[in-house]
Amino acid sequence: MTTMAQDRAVPAPATPATRDAGSVRRHELAAFLRHRREHITPEQVGLPRGRRRRTPGLRREEVAQLAAVGVTWYTWLEQARDIQVSVQVLDALARTLFLDPSERAHLFQLAGQADPTPAVDCPSITPGVRAILAQMEPVPACVQNSRYDILAYNRTYGLLLCDMDAVPPEDRNCMILSYTNTEWRSSIVHLADAQRLMAARFRATMAGHLAEPAWKVLLKRLRAESPDFREMWDRHEVVSHRSKRKEFDNRYVGRITVDHTDLWLGPELGPRMVTYAPADEVSRERLEKLRQIAVERSAAQAG
């Protein structure tokens, strides 16, 4: 099986205190991985148990194979060796070991890395916030973090630019969707202007997160997957957040004109509720029709 590229064991110079802290964290990580590995049965991952199996749960080589990493490298990880671990490998291990959101966060924290996937369990997404999103219909609304991950949304927003429920959670990011998702892109009337503004906003916001791995991973993905983004990014334009009138071509109800507003959920410029209020009566009627379509779809799926 093809394996992921392994990370080199090139430790940076450290003080005795940081070396001790790093050692403790590596041993905690090793113990955590062993515990999770020993509590997953071969049957859970589609492997035969066999008669001679003495190891509780999975063997190290089985975890390595399932996660597409080298057996020796994974063994070193469980031995608390001083090696660097990438976010891609951590993601693969989290999936292989069936980690829940809390365990996944613990894994990344022990490894000293930031999880690059959207933060679906944001503390700002309370039942009250979800209720407000629902009550705002037919006005499309969602909650985004400063990295443009879409953390929650109401039914009208879910059909505004694309079928959001069909988008994998790791792709529910406005930057990713604006530059790589065909349906999302086709719904934006002034796409080039919107892309240029988003790239400028993203650059301005990223200035406060330059050292954070999750931001660097997102930037790397955008540059790799979108020539349009690379062109916009290389202009080094910056702009702050501001309200703006927008036009969308919705595939269900046609042209909609809305006024975009950011409602910040805290004193810091972090999570925010993004709303799209209809700018005219025609848009209001079409948003109401879109809400009804979303309600009917939800009922059909529940039935």
Protein backbone atom coordinates (compact mmCIF):
# COMPACT_ATOMS: atom_id res chain seq x y z
CA MET A 1 0.00 0.00 0.00
CA THR A 2 1.20 3.49 -0.88
CA THR A 3 2.19 5.36 2.26
CA MET A 4 2.10 9.02 3.14
CA ALA A 5 5.36 10.92 3.13
CA GLN A 6 6.92 10.62 6.55
CA ASP A 7 8.17 13.53 8.60
CA ARG A 8 11.82 13.80 9.53
CA ALA A 9 12.99 13.69 13.11
CA VAL A 10 14.67 17.08 13.14
CA PRO A 11 14.05 18.56 16.60
CA ALA A 12 14.57 22.28 17.04
CA PRO A 13 16.88 23.58 19.77
CA ALA A 14 15.06 23.61 23.08
CA THR A 15 15.58 24.57 26.69
CA PRO A 16 15.52 21.89 29.42
CA ALA A 17 12.01 22.99 30.39
CA THR A 18 10.62 22.67 26.85
CA ARG A 19 12.43 19.34 26.40
CA ASP A 20 10.78 18.02 29.57
CA ALA A 21 7.36 19.27 28.46
CA GLY A 22 7.86 17.76 25.02
CA SER A 23 8.86 14.42 26.52
CA VAL A 24 5.77 14.34 28.74
CA ARG A 25 3.54 15.16 25.80
CA ARG A 26 5.13 12.48 23.57
CA HIS A 27 4.64 9.82 26.26
CA GLU A 28 1.03 10.90 26.75
CA LEU A 29 0.51 10.70 22.99
CA ALA A 30 2.09 7.24 22.84
CA ALA A 31 -0.09 5.96 25.69
CA PHE A 32 -3.21 7.45 24.12
CA LEU A 33 -2.54 5.81 20.74
CA ARG A 34 -1.84 2.43 22.35
CA HIS A 35 -5.03 2.62 24.41
CA ARG A 36 -7.20 3.47 21.42
CA ARG A 37 -5.52 0.82 19.22
CA GLU A 38 -6.10 -1.89 21.83
CA HIS A 39 -9.80 -1.04 22.07
CA ILE A 40 -10.61 -1.45 18.38
CA THR A 41 -11.44 -4.97 17.23
CA PRO A 42 -10.30 -6.35 13.87
CA GLU A 43 -13.95 -6.81 12.93
CA GLN A 44 -14.56 -3.05 13.27
CA VAL A 45 -12.10 -2.36 10.45
CA GLY A 46 -12.95 -5.37 8.31
CA LEU A 47 -9.97 -7.55 9.26
CA PRO A 48 -10.13 -11.27 10.17
CA ARG A 49 -9.40 -12.03 13.80
CA GLY A 50 -7.46 -15.28 13.18
CA ARG A 51 -6.68 -17.98 15.71
CA ARG A 52 -3.22 -16.84 16.82
CA ARG A 53 -4.05 -13.24 17.67
CA ARG A 54 -2.75 -12.43 21.17
CA THR A 55 -2.72 -8.63 20.85
CA PRO A 56 -5.84 -6.97 22.25
CA GLY A 57 -7.42 -4.90 19.55
CA LEU A 58 -5.35 -4.04 16.48
CA ARG A 59 -1.66 -4.66 15.87
CA ARG A 60 0.66 -1.73 15.20
CA GLU A 61 1.24 -2.83 11.62
CA GLU A 62 -2.52 -2.98 11.04
CA VAL A 63 -3.00 0.60 12.24
CA ALA A 64 -0.09 1.71 10.08
CA GLN A 65 -1.53 -0.03 7.03
CA LEU A 66 -5.03 1.35 7.55
CA ALA A 67 -3.69 4.89 8.09
CA ALA A 68 -1.23 4.59 5.16
CA VAL A 69 1.87 5.36 7.24
CA GLY A 70 5.09 3.41 7.64
CA VAL A 71 5.12 0.65 10.28
CA THR A 72 8.50 1.73 11.66
CA TRP A 73 7.41 5.34 11.87
CA TYR A 74 4.17 4.45 13.66
CA THR A 75 6.10 2.21 16.06
CA TRP A 76 8.40 5.13 16.90
CA LEU A 77 5.32 7.25 17.57
CA GLU A 78 4.03 4.69 20.10
CA GLN A 79 7.51 4.54 21.61
CA ALA A 80 7.42 8.30 22.26
CA ARG A 81 10.36 8.95 19.93
CA ASP A 82 11.16 12.60 19.22
CA ILE A 83 9.70 12.80 15.70
CA GLN A 84 7.59 15.45 14.02
CA VAL A 85 4.06 14.45 13.03
CA SER A 86 2.11 16.17 10.27
CA VAL A 87 -1.56 17.16 10.36
CA GLN A 88 -2.23 14.79 7.43
CA VAL A 89 -0.95 11.79 9.39
CA LEU A 90 -2.84 12.85 12.52
CA ASP A 91 -6.02 13.12 10.47
CA ALA A 92 -5.46 9.62 9.07
CA LEU A 93 -4.83 8.18 12.54
CA ALA A 94 -7.93 9.89 13.94
CA ARG A 95 -10.06 8.31 11.23
CA THR A 96 -8.43 4.88 11.57
CA LEU A 97 -8.90 4.83 15.35
CA PHE A 98 -12.50 6.10 15.15
CA LEU A 99 -11.78 9.07 17.41
CA ASP A 100 -14.77 11.17 18.42
CA PRO A 101 -14.46 15.00 18.27
CA SER A 102 -13.10 15.27 21.83
CA GLU A 103 -10.55 12.49 21.28
CA ARG A 104 -9.52 13.99 17.94
CA ALA A 105 -8.92 17.37 19.59
CA HIS A 106 -6.89 15.62 22.32
CA LEU A 107 -4.77 13.85 19.69
CA PHE A 108 -3.90 17.08 17.89
CA GLN A 109 -3.19 18.87 21.17
CA LEU A 110 -0.79 16.16 22.35
CA ALA A 111 0.98 16.28 18.98
CA GLY A 112 1.30 20.08 19.19
CA GLN A 113 -0.68 20.64 16.01
CA ALA A 114 -3.84 22.52 15.10
CA ASP A 115 -6.64 20.55 13.48
CA PRO A 116 -7.04 21.94 9.93
CA THR A 117 -10.60 20.68 9.49
CA PRO A 118 -13.54 23.02 10.13
CA ALA A 119 -14.33 23.50 13.81
CA VAL A 120 -17.78 21.91 13.78
CA ASP A 121 -18.03 22.00 17.59
CA CYS A 122 -17.55 25.72 18.16
CA PRO A 123 -18.55 26.90 21.67
CA SER A 124 -20.33 29.85 20.06
CA ILE A 125 -22.85 27.52 18.39
CA THR A 126 -25.23 27.23 21.31
CA PRO A 127 -28.84 25.96 21.11
CA GLY A 128 -29.87 29.60 21.35
CA VAL A 129 -27.81 30.54 18.29
CA ARG A 130 -29.28 27.62 16.34
CA ALA A 131 -32.77 28.76 17.35
CA ILE A 132 -32.04 32.28 16.12
CA LEU A 133 -30.80 30.92 12.79
CA ALA A 134 -34.03 28.97 12.38
CA GLN A 135 -36.24 31.89 13.39
CA MET A 136 -34.55 34.19 10.87
CA GLU A 137 -35.93 32.21 7.93
CA PRO A 138 -36.65 32.98 5.16
CA VAL A 139 -33.61 35.25 5.59
CA PRO A 140 -30.56 33.07 4.79
CA ALA A 141 -28.12 33.06 7.71
CA CYS A 142 -25.09 31.10 8.87
CA VAL A 143 -22.33 31.28 11.47
CA GLN A 144 -18.73 31.47 10.26
CA ASN A 145 -15.44 31.70 12.12
CA SER A 146 -12.63 34.05 11.16
CA ARG A 147 -11.23 31.40 8.77
CA TYR A 148 -14.54 31.32 6.83
CA ASP A 149 -15.48 27.82 8.01
CA ILE A 150 -19.28 27.49 7.92
CA LEU A 151 -20.15 26.24 11.42
CA ALA A 152 -23.95 26.29 11.30
CA TYR A 153 -26.67 27.48 8.90
CA ASN A 154 -30.42 27.60 8.48
CA ARG A 155 -32.38 25.79 5.79
CA THR A 156 -32.68 28.76 3.44
CA TYR A 157 -28.92 29.34 3.51
CA GLY A 158 -28.45 25.63 2.90
CA LEU A 159 -29.95 26.03 -0.60
CA LEU A 160 -28.88 29.60 -1.38
CA LEU A 161 -25.58 29.01 -3.19
CA CYS A 162 -25.39 25.22 -3.33
CA ASP A 163 -26.80 22.16 -1.56
CA MET A 164 -24.80 22.69 1.62
CA ASP A 165 -25.93 19.41 3.16
CA ALA A 166 -24.23 17.59 0.26
CA VAL A 167 -20.90 19.36 0.83
CA PRO A 168 -18.43 17.33 2.94
CA PRO A 169 -17.78 19.01 6.31
CA GLU A 170 -14.09 19.54 5.48
CA ASP A 171 -15.14 21.58 2.39
CA ARG A 172 -17.68 23.81 4.17
CA ASN A 173 -15.50 26.86 3.93
CA CYS A 174 -16.47 29.97 1.96
CA MET A 175 -12.97 30.38 0.52
CA ILE A 176 -12.82 26.77 -0.67
CA LEU A 177 -16.35 26.92 -2.10
CA SER A 178 -15.85 30.29 -3.82
CA TYR A 179 -12.77 29.08 -5.65
CA THR A 180 -13.39 25.35 -6.24
CA ASN A 181 -17.13 24.48 -6.05
CA THR A 182 -18.84 24.76 -9.46
CA GLU A 183 -22.38 25.17 -8.15
CA TRP A 184 -21.38 27.78 -5.57
CA ARG A 185 -19.36 29.75 -8.13
CA SER A 186 -22.19 29.71 -10.70
CA SER A 187 -24.59 31.19 -8.12
CA ILE A 188 -22.51 34.35 -7.57
CA VAL A 189 -23.47 37.01 -10.12
CA HIS A 190 -20.27 39.05 -9.86
CA LEU A 191 -17.89 36.18 -9.21
CA ALA A 192 -14.57 37.84 -10.04
CA ASP A 193 -15.34 40.83 -7.81
CA ALA A 194 -16.47 38.54 -4.98
CA GLN A 195 -13.34 36.39 -5.24
CA ARG A 196 -11.06 39.40 -5.22
CA LEU A 197 -12.81 40.85 -2.14
CA MET A 198 -12.67 37.53 -0.28
CA ALA A 199 -8.96 37.06 -0.99
CA ALA A 200 -8.29 40.59 0.29
CA ARG A 201 -10.35 39.97 3.43
CA PHE A 202 -8.66 36.64 4.01
CA ARG A 203 -5.20 38.23 3.74
CA ALA A 204 -6.16 41.00 6.17
CA THR A 205 -7.58 38.53 8.70
CA MET A 206 -4.73 36.04 8.36
CA ALA A 207 -2.23 38.67 9.53
CA GLY A 208 -3.22 37.77 13.08
CA HIS A 209 -2.90 34.01 12.48
CA LEU A 210 0.30 33.65 10.46
CA ALA A 211 1.85 31.05 12.78
CA GLU A 212 -1.27 28.87 13.09
CA PRO A 213 -1.05 25.56 11.17
CA ALA A 214 -4.77 25.44 10.36
CA TRP A 215 -4.55 28.76 8.50
CA LYS A 216 -1.39 27.70 6.69
CA VAL A 217 -3.01 24.43 5.61
CA LEU A 218 -6.02 26.31 4.21
CA LEU A 219 -3.80 28.77 2.34
CA LYS A 220 -1.72 25.93 0.92
CA ARG A 221 -4.83 24.11 -0.29
CA LEU A 222 -6.26 27.22 -1.95
CA ARG A 223 -3.00 27.94 -3.74
CA ALA A 224 -2.73 24.32 -4.89
CA GLU A 225 -6.30 23.93 -6.11
CA SER A 226 -7.15 27.32 -7.62
CA PRO A 227 -5.14 29.34 -10.17
CA ASP A 228 -7.70 32.14 -9.68
CA PHE A 229 -6.90 32.28 -5.97
CA ARG A 230 -3.15 32.33 -6.63
CA GLU A 231 -3.63 35.31 -8.94
CA MET A 232 -5.78 37.19 -6.42
CA TRP A 233 -3.50 36.32 -3.48
CA ASP A 234 -0.38 37.53 -5.25
CA ARG A 235 -1.89 41.00 -5.58
CA HIS A 236 -1.37 41.50 -1.81
CA GLU A 237 -4.61 43.45 -1.50
CA VAL A 238 -6.23 43.86 1.92
CA VAL A 239 -9.67 45.06 2.96
CA SER A 240 -11.63 44.97 6.22
CA HIS A 241 -15.06 43.40 6.72
CA ARG A 242 -18.00 45.54 5.68
CA SER A 243 -21.64 45.16 4.71
CA LYS A 244 -22.33 44.81 1.00
CA ARG A 245 -25.22 44.30 -1.41
CA LYS A 246 -24.94 41.00 -3.28
CA GLU A 247 -26.70 39.25 -6.14
CA PHE A 248 -27.15 35.51 -6.46
CA ASP A 249 -28.56 33.35 -9.26
CA ASN A 250 -30.31 30.61 -7.31
CA ARG A 251 -31.04 27.46 -9.30
CA TYR A 252 -34.48 27.05 -7.69
CA VAL A 253 -35.96 30.56 -7.66
CA GLY A 254 -33.75 32.75 -9.87
CA ARG A 255 -32.08 36.10 -9.22
CA ILE A 256 -31.99 37.29 -5.60
CA THR A 257 -30.62 40.63 -4.35
CA VAL A 258 -29.64 40.76 -0.68
CA ASP A 259 -27.86 42.97 1.83
CA HIS A 260 -25.03 41.13 3.55
CA THR A 261 -24.45 41.90 7.26
CA ASP A 262 -21.98 40.43 9.78
CA LEU A 263 -23.21 40.15 13.38
CA TRP A 264 -20.28 39.36 15.68
CA LEU A 265 -21.00 36.83 18.43
CA GLY A 266 -18.36 38.11 20.84
CA PRO A 267 -16.07 41.06 21.61
CA GLU A 268 -13.33 39.63 19.38
CA LEU A 269 -13.52 39.39 15.58
CA GLY A 270 -14.01 35.61 15.68
CA PRO A 271 -17.28 33.76 15.05
CA ARG A 272 -19.97 35.88 13.39
CA MET A 273 -23.51 35.41 12.17
CA VAL A 274 -23.74 36.22 8.47
CA THR A 275 -27.18 37.32 7.25
CA TYR A 276 -28.58 38.04 3.78
CA ALA A 277 -31.66 40.27 4.12
CA PRO A 278 -33.75 40.67 0.92
CA ALA A 279 -33.11 44.02 -0.74
CA ASP A 280 -36.48 44.20 -2.54
CA GLU A 281 -39.94 42.64 -2.55
CA VAL A 282 -39.18 40.26 -5.41
CA SER A 283 -36.16 38.91 -3.54
CA ARG A 284 -38.25 38.57 -0.37
CA GLU A 285 -40.86 36.50 -2.23
CA ARG A 286 -38.20 34.33 -3.82
CA LEU A 287 -36.48 33.73 -0.48
CA GLU A 288 -39.83 32.68 0.99
CA LYS A 289 -40.26 30.25 -1.92
CA LEU A 290 -36.72 28.95 -1.34
CA ARG A 291 -37.51 28.43 2.35
CA GLN A 292 -40.60 26.40 1.40
CA ILE A 293 -38.50 24.24 -0.94
CA ALA A 294 -36.03 23.65 1.89
CA VAL A 295 -38.84 22.73 4.29
CA GLU A 296 -40.28 20.23 1.81
CA ARG A 297 -36.86 18.69 1.21
CA SER A 298 -36.27 18.32 4.94
CA ALA A 299 -39.68 16.66 5.37
CA ALA A 300 -39.01 14.26 2.49
CA GLN A 301 -35.62 13.29 3.90
CA ALA A 302 -37.08 12.76 7.38
CA GLY A 303 -39.84 10.59 5.96
